[in-house]
Amino acid sequence: MTVILPEPRKPTDVAHVNLRIRENLRRRLETEAKHHRVSLNSEMLARLEASFEATDLATTAQRLRQIVTQLETAWLRLEAIREPAP
């Protein structure tokens, strides 16, 4: 017996997803979709993608703060080396 496996999905493929959400959230999304003149699906996708972008930005900002701290520490050490002791 030969088992035929489906081909893996490409990142550009569109996948159908069933989603259960509370009615009040669906209504809010629908209201926003009408306000933006897009479909409910488009509104949900935009918000989901934006949540990942926000997470990515927060991670980047945190890393930049760490780099700034490291640079400040390195600068203070460099100044201590350059200045003669009293």
C-alpha atoms as a PDB file:
ATOM      1  CA  MET A   1       0.000   0.000   0.000  1.00  0.00           C
ATOM      2  CA  THR A   2       1.404   3.374  -1.033  1.00  0.00           C
ATOM      3  CA  VAL A   3       0.677   6.388   1.124  1.00  0.00           C
ATOM      4  CA  ILE A   4       0.667   9.686  -0.706  1.00  0.00           C
ATOM      5  CA  LEU A   5       1.512  12.596   1.539  1.00  0.00           C
ATOM      6  CA  PRO A   6       0.322  16.078   0.655  1.00  0.00           C
ATOM      7  CA  GLU A   7       2.961  18.531  -0.475  1.00  0.00           C
ATOM      8  CA  PRO A   8       4.102  20.914   2.242  1.00  0.00           C
ATOM      9  CA  ARG A   9       2.557  24.349   2.091  1.00  0.00           C
ATOM     10  CA  LYS A  10       4.581  27.244   0.773  1.00  0.00           C
ATOM     11  CA  PRO A  11       4.802  30.413   2.890  1.00  0.00           C
ATOM     12  CA  THR A  12       2.819  32.203   0.183  1.00  0.00           C
ATOM     13  CA  ASP A  13      -0.039  29.670   0.178  1.00  0.00           C
ATOM     14  CA  VAL A  14      -3.346  30.743   1.688  1.00  0.00           C
ATOM     15  CA  ALA A  15      -4.591  28.419   4.424  1.00  0.00           C
ATOM     16  CA  HIS A  16      -8.197  28.123   5.510  1.00  0.00           C
ATOM     17  CA  VAL A  17      -8.526  28.450   9.302  1.00  0.00           C
ATOM     18  CA  ASN A  18     -11.621  28.026  11.435  1.00  0.00           C
ATOM     19  CA  LEU A  19     -11.635  30.385  14.378  1.00  0.00           C
ATOM     20  CA  ARG A  20     -13.919  30.577  17.387  1.00  0.00           C
ATOM     21  CA  ILE A  21     -14.221  34.009  18.978  1.00  0.00           C
ATOM     22  CA  ARG A  22     -16.693  35.690  21.286  1.00  0.00           C
ATOM     23  CA  GLU A  23     -19.539  37.474  19.538  1.00  0.00           C
ATOM     24  CA  ASN A  24     -18.651  40.850  21.056  1.00  0.00           C
ATOM     25  CA  LEU A  25     -15.132  40.591  19.580  1.00  0.00           C
ATOM     26  CA  ARG A  26     -16.523  39.598  16.176  1.00  0.00           C
ATOM     27  CA  ARG A  27     -18.807  42.643  16.271  1.00  0.00           C
ATOM     28  CA  ARG A  28     -15.914  44.945  17.143  1.00  0.00           C
ATOM     29  CA  LEU A  29     -13.854  43.519  14.303  1.00  0.00           C
ATOM     30  CA  GLU A  30     -16.769  43.839  11.918  1.00  0.00           C
ATOM     31  CA  THR A  31     -17.306  47.475  12.932  1.00  0.00           C
ATOM     32  CA  GLU A  32     -13.629  48.251  12.349  1.00  0.00           C
ATOM     33  CA  ALA A  33     -13.684  46.410   9.023  1.00  0.00           C
ATOM     34  CA  LYS A  34     -16.609  48.584   7.874  1.00  0.00           C
ATOM     35  CA  HIS A  35     -14.796  51.693   9.107  1.00  0.00           C
ATOM     36  CA  HIS A  36     -11.694  50.719   7.092  1.00  0.00           C
ATOM     37  CA  ARG A  37     -13.872  49.578   4.166  1.00  0.00           C
ATOM     38  CA  VAL A  38     -12.362  46.105   4.092  1.00  0.00           C
ATOM     39  CA  SER A  39     -13.659  42.594   4.637  1.00  0.00           C
ATOM     40  CA  LEU A  40     -13.786  41.056   8.089  1.00  0.00           C
ATOM     41  CA  ASN A  41     -11.073  38.637   6.964  1.00  0.00           C
ATOM     42  CA  SER A  42      -8.804  41.498   5.841  1.00  0.00           C
ATOM     43  CA  GLU A  43      -9.321  43.338   9.118  1.00  0.00           C
ATOM     44  CA  MET A  44      -8.459  40.245  11.137  1.00  0.00           C
ATOM     45  CA  LEU A  45      -5.351  39.547   9.031  1.00  0.00           C
ATOM     46  CA  ALA A  46      -4.145  43.142   9.327  1.00  0.00           C
ATOM     47  CA  ARG A  47      -4.527  43.090  13.095  1.00  0.00           C
ATOM     48  CA  LEU A  48      -2.824  39.726  13.448  1.00  0.00           C
ATOM     49  CA  GLU A  49       0.112  40.807  11.279  1.00  0.00           C
ATOM     50  CA  ALA A  50       0.374  44.089  13.223  1.00  0.00           C
ATOM     51  CA  SER A  51       0.619  42.159  16.489  1.00  0.00           C
ATOM     52  CA  PHE A  52       3.701  40.337  15.177  1.00  0.00           C
ATOM     53  CA  GLU A  53       5.217  43.591  13.932  1.00  0.00           C
ATOM     54  CA  ALA A  54       4.672  45.175  17.361  1.00  0.00           C
ATOM     55  CA  THR A  55       6.362  42.212  19.036  1.00  0.00           C
ATOM     56  CA  ASP A  56       9.279  42.439  16.600  1.00  0.00           C
ATOM     57  CA  LEU A  57       9.633  46.171  17.278  1.00  0.00           C
ATOM     58  CA  ALA A  58       9.547  45.644  21.040  1.00  0.00           C
ATOM     59  CA  THR A  59      12.252  42.987  20.781  1.00  0.00           C
ATOM     60  CA  THR A  60      14.377  45.261  18.593  1.00  0.00           C
ATOM     61  CA  ALA A  61      13.937  48.189  20.990  1.00  0.00           C
ATOM     62  CA  GLN A  62      14.969  46.028  23.936  1.00  0.00           C
ATOM     63  CA  ARG A  63      18.076  44.853  22.080  1.00  0.00           C
ATOM     64  CA  LEU A  64      18.960  48.444  21.144  1.00  0.00           C
ATOM     65  CA  ARG A  65      18.682  49.496  24.806  1.00  0.00           C
ATOM     66  CA  GLN A  66      21.101  46.695  25.708  1.00  0.00           C
ATOM     67  CA  ILE A  67      23.543  47.828  23.030  1.00  0.00           C
ATOM     68  CA  VAL A  68      23.362  51.445  24.226  1.00  0.00           C
ATOM     69  CA  THR A  69      24.099  50.308  27.778  1.00  0.00           C
ATOM     70  CA  GLN A  70      27.073  48.275  26.567  1.00  0.00           C
ATOM     71  CA  LEU A  71      28.374  51.226  24.552  1.00  0.00           C
ATOM     72  CA  GLU A  72      28.026  53.567  27.530  1.00  0.00           C
ATOM     73  CA  THR A  73      29.960  51.125  29.720  1.00  0.00           C
ATOM     74  CA  ALA A  74      32.670  50.743  27.083  1.00  0.00           C
ATOM     75  CA  TRP A  75      32.907  54.543  26.715  1.00  0.00           C
ATOM     76  CA  LEU A  76      33.345  55.035  30.463  1.00  0.00           C
ATOM     77  CA  ARG A  77      36.086  52.399  30.524  1.00  0.00           C
ATOM     78  CA  LEU A  78      37.813  54.041  27.575  1.00  0.00           C
ATOM     79  CA  GLU A  79      37.680  57.446  29.260  1.00  0.00           C
ATOM     80  CA  ALA A  80      39.117  55.942  32.444  1.00  0.00           C
ATOM     81  CA  ILE A  81      42.039  54.521  30.465  1.00  0.00           C
ATOM     82  CA  ARG A  82      42.682  57.759  28.554  1.00  0.00           C
ATOM     83  CA  GLU A  83      42.615  60.060  31.579  1.00  0.00           C
ATOM     84  CA  PRO A  84      45.722  59.990  33.757  1.00  0.00           C
ATOM     85  CA  ALA A  85      45.138  59.026  37.370  1.00  0.00           C
ATOM     86  CA  PRO A  86      45.486  61.982  39.835  1.00  0.00           C
END
